[in-house]
Protein backbone atom coordinates (compact mmCIF):
# COMPACT_ATOMS: atom_id res chain seq x y z
CA MET A 1 33.92 -14.39 -30.98
CA ASN A 2 34.52 -11.04 -29.28
CA PRO A 3 31.52 -9.49 -27.46
CA ARG A 4 32.60 -6.13 -29.22
CA LYS A 5 32.82 -7.11 -32.38
CA MET A 6 30.53 -9.42 -32.14
CA LYS A 7 28.36 -5.79 -31.60
CA GLN A 8 30.14 -3.76 -33.84
CA MET A 9 28.51 -6.70 -36.38
CA MET A 10 25.41 -7.11 -36.41
CA LYS A 11 25.09 -3.52 -35.93
CA GLN A 12 26.32 -3.91 -39.71
CA MET A 13 23.48 -6.02 -40.23
CA GLY A 14 20.68 -4.10 -38.73
CA ILE A 15 20.10 -5.70 -35.79
CA ASP A 16 19.90 -3.73 -33.30
CA VAL A 17 20.27 -5.06 -29.35
CA THR A 18 18.66 -3.44 -26.27
CA GLU A 19 18.84 -4.70 -22.85
CA LEU A 20 15.32 -4.53 -20.96
CA ASP A 21 15.28 -4.06 -17.25
CA ALA A 22 12.24 -6.35 -16.18
CA GLU A 23 11.43 -8.19 -12.86
CA GLU A 24 9.47 -10.42 -13.72
CA VAL A 25 8.49 -12.52 -17.02
CA VAL A 26 5.41 -14.93 -16.83
CA ILE A 27 5.30 -17.47 -20.15
CA LYS A 28 2.06 -19.22 -19.97
CA THR A 29 1.36 -22.67 -20.70
CA ALA A 30 -2.34 -24.88 -20.95
CA ASP A 31 -1.47 -25.83 -17.76
CA GLU A 32 1.22 -24.23 -15.70
CA GLU A 33 2.81 -21.13 -15.22
CA LEU A 34 6.52 -20.36 -15.98
CA VAL A 35 8.07 -17.34 -13.34
CA PHE A 36 11.19 -15.63 -14.53
CA SER A 37 11.90 -13.57 -11.52
CA ASP A 38 15.53 -11.70 -11.99
CA ALA A 39 16.10 -13.15 -15.62
CA GLN A 40 18.08 -11.19 -17.67
CA VAL A 41 16.68 -10.12 -20.35
CA THR A 42 17.09 -8.94 -24.52
CA ARG A 43 14.84 -7.37 -27.27
CA MET A 44 16.36 -7.86 -30.47
CA ASP A 45 14.88 -5.41 -33.13
CA ALA A 46 16.63 -7.02 -36.99
CA GLN A 47 14.38 -5.63 -39.56
CA GLY A 48 11.19 -4.25 -37.83
CA GLN A 49 10.83 -8.67 -36.26
CA GLU A 50 11.46 -8.09 -33.06
CA THR A 51 13.01 -11.54 -30.99
CA TYR A 52 12.57 -11.50 -27.24
CA GLN A 53 14.94 -13.91 -25.35
CA ILE A 54 15.14 -14.59 -21.63
CA VAL A 55 17.70 -16.10 -19.53
CA GLY A 56 17.13 -17.72 -16.22
CA GLU A 57 16.34 -20.04 -14.05
CA PRO A 58 12.35 -20.82 -13.98
CA GLU A 59 9.93 -21.56 -11.16
CA THR A 60 6.64 -23.97 -12.40
CA ARG A 61 3.42 -22.56 -10.35
CA GLU A 62 0.23 -23.93 -11.50
CA LEU A 63 -1.56 -21.35 -14.22
CA GLY A 64 -3.39 -18.95 -12.27
CA ALA A 65 -1.28 -18.95 -9.55
CA GLY A 66 -0.08 -16.22 -9.08
CA ASP A 67 -2.41 -13.80 -10.46
CA ASP A 68 -3.37 -11.15 -8.45
CA GLY A 69 -7.10 -10.31 -9.68
CA GLY A 70 -8.19 -13.99 -10.93
CA ASP A 71 -10.82 -14.60 -8.74
CA GLU A 72 -12.02 -10.41 -9.68
CA SER A 73 -12.15 -11.27 -13.76
CA ALA A 74 -13.71 -15.11 -13.14
CA GLU A 75 -16.78 -14.04 -11.30
CA SER A 76 -16.90 -10.52 -13.30
CA ALA A 77 -16.36 -12.64 -16.26
CA GLY A 78 -19.03 -14.96 -18.17
CA ALA A 79 -18.20 -17.27 -20.43
CA ALA A 80 -18.35 -14.66 -23.27
CA ASP A 81 -16.77 -12.69 -22.14
CA ALA A 82 -12.52 -14.42 -21.72
CA ILE A 83 -10.80 -11.46 -23.83
CA PRO A 84 -7.60 -11.28 -21.09
CA ALA A 85 -7.30 -7.78 -18.97
CA ASP A 86 -3.86 -7.75 -22.07
CA ASP A 87 -5.75 -7.19 -24.20
CA VAL A 88 -8.02 -5.24 -23.62
CA ALA A 89 -5.18 -2.87 -22.86
CA ILE A 90 -3.29 -3.31 -25.65
CA VAL A 91 -6.39 -3.07 -27.41
CA ALA A 92 -6.69 0.28 -25.59
CA GLN A 93 -3.30 1.84 -25.84
CA ARG A 94 -2.55 1.72 -29.34
CA ALA A 95 -6.13 2.96 -30.21
CA GLY A 96 -6.30 5.28 -27.86
CA VAL A 97 -9.92 4.62 -27.13
CA PRO A 98 -11.58 3.86 -23.62
CA GLU A 99 -10.87 -0.11 -22.24
CA ASP A 100 -14.84 -0.63 -22.53
CA GLU A 101 -14.73 0.37 -26.23
CA ALA A 102 -11.45 -1.91 -26.57
CA ARG A 103 -13.27 -5.01 -25.17
CA GLU A 104 -16.36 -4.18 -27.00
CA ALA A 105 -13.84 -4.40 -30.49
CA LEU A 106 -12.51 -7.78 -29.42
CA GLU A 107 -15.39 -8.97 -28.91
CA ALA A 108 -16.41 -8.19 -32.33
CA GLU A 109 -13.88 -10.04 -33.36
CA ASP A 110 -13.55 -12.85 -31.37
CA GLY A 111 -10.44 -11.41 -29.73
CA ASP A 112 -7.98 -10.85 -32.68
CA LEU A 113 -6.36 -7.75 -31.11
CA ALA A 114 -5.35 -6.65 -34.81
CA ALA A 115 -8.68 -6.75 -36.32
CA ALA A 116 -10.23 -4.77 -32.85
CA ILE A 117 -7.43 -2.67 -33.17
CA ALA A 118 -7.50 -1.38 -37.11
CA ARG A 119 -11.38 -1.54 -36.61
CA LEU A 120 -10.84 1.38 -33.64
CA GLU A 121 -8.69 3.75 -35.83
């Protein structure tokens, strides 16, 4: 099918397609990380549901091998404080609060992002 016609059909169905300029995409599994460098990333928004498509060749590495601050967070984080820094940043940004408040809300909600945001709003 013609790509131009495909875009027209998707637009008629209410599907918005956006190309993202991603430098690196990391997918973490229980055992390893899949790292896509220079990947082509496409976001499709259909009726409020966002879907991401990643095209590229991943590099496999051991879990935590590519973290810049992994050792610092492991040292400062106790067993009860296993909230990822990315989650804290997301909650802080969405709720418009400092990161320490976001971390407390996440801890109170056992790491549930949506519940932590709702608690802070």
